[in-house]
Amino acid sequence: MDVTNELIRRVAGNARLSLSEKEVEKFTLQFKEILEAFSKLDELDTKGVEIQVQPVELKDALRDDIPKLCLSQEEALSNTPHKKDGYFKGPRAI
């Protein structure tokens, strides 16, 4: 890909950036260097190399859901004065 000052101006325009001529020259050189560095990757032989989507194996951080005994309704309501008919009593919603 040929990187020119015009290409940098067009990309800057698409990104709604106003660049000075000095900045355009600077970015043109930097962009050429970046593309040259990435073009070296094309020279590597990657046949037989497995594709790596995630560099580190992900593990589920959650514990297994093991059923256990829970509080009875009376035990759950035992420490609140705000109860009615076996349920927690909350503020009225309008």
C-alpha atoms as a PDB file:
ATOM      1  CA  MET A   1       0.000   0.000   0.000  1.00  0.00           C
ATOM      2  CA  ASP A   2       1.378   3.352  -1.011  1.00  0.00           C
ATOM      3  CA  VAL A   3       1.121   5.883   1.816  1.00  0.00           C
ATOM      4  CA  THR A   4       0.988   9.441   0.581  1.00  0.00           C
ATOM      5  CA  ASN A   5       0.267  12.796   2.125  1.00  0.00           C
ATOM      6  CA  GLU A   6      -3.058  12.784   0.282  1.00  0.00           C
ATOM      7  CA  LEU A   7      -4.039   9.495   1.935  1.00  0.00           C
ATOM      8  CA  ILE A   8      -3.232  10.919   5.377  1.00  0.00           C
ATOM      9  CA  ARG A   9      -5.255  14.063   4.613  1.00  0.00           C
ATOM     10  CA  ARG A  10      -8.218  11.944   3.476  1.00  0.00           C
ATOM     11  CA  VAL A  11      -8.080   9.735   6.591  1.00  0.00           C
ATOM     12  CA  ALA A  12      -7.771  12.821   8.795  1.00  0.00           C
ATOM     13  CA  GLY A  13     -10.752  14.351   7.018  1.00  0.00           C
ATOM     14  CA  ASN A  14     -12.811  11.204   7.599  1.00  0.00           C
ATOM     15  CA  ALA A  15     -11.849  11.351  11.275  1.00  0.00           C
ATOM     16  CA  ARG A  16     -12.687  15.071  11.316  1.00  0.00           C
ATOM     17  CA  LEU A  17      -9.162  16.027  12.306  1.00  0.00           C
ATOM     18  CA  SER A  18      -7.500  19.176  11.085  1.00  0.00           C
ATOM     19  CA  LEU A  19      -3.794  18.539  10.593  1.00  0.00           C
ATOM     20  CA  SER A  20      -1.086  20.994   9.706  1.00  0.00           C
ATOM     21  CA  GLU A  21       1.297  20.211   6.835  1.00  0.00           C
ATOM     22  CA  LYS A  22       3.998  19.400   9.364  1.00  0.00           C
ATOM     23  CA  GLU A  23       1.697  16.893  11.073  1.00  0.00           C
ATOM     24  CA  VAL A  24       0.712  15.357   7.726  1.00  0.00           C
ATOM     25  CA  GLU A  25       4.396  14.800   6.881  1.00  0.00           C
ATOM     26  CA  LYS A  26       5.079  13.350  10.336  1.00  0.00           C
ATOM     27  CA  PHE A  27       2.112  10.965  10.211  1.00  0.00           C
ATOM     28  CA  THR A  28       2.961   9.873   6.665  1.00  0.00           C
ATOM     29  CA  LEU A  29       6.424   8.765   7.780  1.00  0.00           C
ATOM     30  CA  GLN A  30       5.094   7.100  10.936  1.00  0.00           C
ATOM     31  CA  PHE A  31       2.372   5.268   9.036  1.00  0.00           C
ATOM     32  CA  LYS A  32       4.912   3.978   6.504  1.00  0.00           C
ATOM     33  CA  GLU A  33       7.077   2.646   9.363  1.00  0.00           C
ATOM     34  CA  ILE A  34       4.086   0.919  10.955  1.00  0.00           C
ATOM     35  CA  LEU A  35       3.079  -0.764   7.686  1.00  0.00           C
ATOM     36  CA  GLU A  36       6.670  -1.893   7.095  1.00  0.00           C
ATOM     37  CA  ALA A  37       6.768  -3.477  10.566  1.00  0.00           C
ATOM     38  CA  PHE A  38       3.512  -5.335   9.919  1.00  0.00           C
ATOM     39  CA  SER A  39       4.679  -6.429   6.461  1.00  0.00           C
ATOM     40  CA  LYS A  40       7.478  -8.384   8.165  1.00  0.00           C
ATOM     41  CA  LEU A  41       4.787 -10.578   9.705  1.00  0.00           C
ATOM     42  CA  ASP A  42       3.728 -11.645   6.206  1.00  0.00           C
ATOM     43  CA  GLU A  43       7.158 -13.250   5.765  1.00  0.00           C
ATOM     44  CA  LEU A  44       6.630 -15.686   8.653  1.00  0.00           C
ATOM     45  CA  ASP A  45       5.741 -19.292   7.935  1.00  0.00           C
ATOM     46  CA  THR A  46       2.590 -19.983   9.955  1.00  0.00           C
ATOM     47  CA  LYS A  47       1.637 -23.314   8.426  1.00  0.00           C
ATOM     48  CA  GLY A  48       0.766 -25.811  11.129  1.00  0.00           C
ATOM     49  CA  VAL A  49       0.398 -23.119  13.792  1.00  0.00           C
ATOM     50  CA  GLU A  50      -2.887 -23.287  15.647  1.00  0.00           C
ATOM     51  CA  ILE A  51      -4.918 -20.074  15.651  1.00  0.00           C
ATOM     52  CA  GLN A  52      -4.909 -18.381  19.057  1.00  0.00           C
ATOM     53  CA  VAL A  53      -7.959 -16.233  19.699  1.00  0.00           C
ATOM     54  CA  GLN A  54      -7.240 -15.852  23.410  1.00  0.00           C
ATOM     55  CA  PRO A  55      -3.594 -15.810  24.588  1.00  0.00           C
ATOM     56  CA  VAL A  56      -4.516 -17.106  28.046  1.00  0.00           C
ATOM     57  CA  GLU A  57      -6.941 -19.936  28.685  1.00  0.00           C
ATOM     58  CA  LEU A  58     -10.131 -18.645  30.254  1.00  0.00           C
ATOM     59  CA  LYS A  59     -11.621 -20.502  33.182  1.00  0.00           C
ATOM     60  CA  ASP A  60     -15.014 -20.082  34.747  1.00  0.00           C
ATOM     61  CA  ALA A  61     -14.501 -18.169  38.003  1.00  0.00           C
ATOM     62  CA  LEU A  62     -17.883 -19.154  39.402  1.00  0.00           C
ATOM     63  CA  ARG A  63     -18.396 -22.031  41.776  1.00  0.00           C
ATOM     64  CA  ASP A  64     -20.675 -24.946  41.039  1.00  0.00           C
ATOM     65  CA  ASP A  65     -24.275 -24.365  42.026  1.00  0.00           C
ATOM     66  CA  ILE A  66     -24.771 -26.880  44.808  1.00  0.00           C
ATOM     67  CA  PRO A  67     -28.206 -26.891  46.452  1.00  0.00           C
ATOM     68  CA  LYS A  68     -28.152 -26.451  50.227  1.00  0.00           C
ATOM     69  CA  LEU A  69     -30.732 -26.012  52.923  1.00  0.00           C
ATOM     70  CA  CYS A  70     -32.024 -22.465  53.185  1.00  0.00           C
ATOM     71  CA  LEU A  71     -33.870 -20.450  55.814  1.00  0.00           C
ATOM     72  CA  SER A  72     -37.480 -21.199  56.488  1.00  0.00           C
ATOM     73  CA  GLN A  73     -39.994 -18.406  56.008  1.00  0.00           C
ATOM     74  CA  GLU A  74     -40.249 -17.853  59.770  1.00  0.00           C
ATOM     75  CA  GLU A  75     -36.451 -17.717  60.180  1.00  0.00           C
ATOM     76  CA  ALA A  76     -36.092 -15.215  57.331  1.00  0.00           C
ATOM     77  CA  LEU A  77     -38.766 -12.921  58.822  1.00  0.00           C
ATOM     78  CA  SER A  78     -37.669 -13.347  62.453  1.00  0.00           C
ATOM     79  CA  ASN A  79     -35.469 -10.197  62.643  1.00  0.00           C
ATOM     80  CA  THR A  80     -37.737  -7.661  60.949  1.00  0.00           C
ATOM     81  CA  PRO A  81     -40.627  -5.741  62.423  1.00  0.00           C
ATOM     82  CA  HIS A  82     -41.855  -4.993  58.881  1.00  0.00           C
ATOM     83  CA  LYS A  83     -43.764  -8.127  57.927  1.00  0.00           C
ATOM     84  CA  LYS A  84     -47.322  -8.933  57.011  1.00  0.00           C
ATOM     85  CA  ASP A  85     -49.006 -12.221  56.105  1.00  0.00           C
ATOM     86  CA  GLY A  86     -45.685 -14.094  55.936  1.00  0.00           C
ATOM     87  CA  TYR A  87     -43.904 -11.580  53.630  1.00  0.00           C
ATOM     88  CA  PHE A  88     -41.588  -8.597  54.047  1.00  0.00           C
ATOM     89  CA  LYS A  89     -43.586  -5.374  54.127  1.00  0.00           C
ATOM     90  CA  GLY A  90     -42.069  -2.562  52.068  1.00  0.00           C
ATOM     91  CA  PRO A  91     -43.026   1.017  51.263  1.00  0.00           C
ATOM     92  CA  ARG A  92     -46.100   1.553  49.154  1.00  0.00           C
ATOM     93  CA  ALA A  93     -45.416   1.946  45.430  1.00  0.00           C
ATOM     94  CA  ILE A  94     -47.666   4.229  43.479  1.00  0.00           C
END
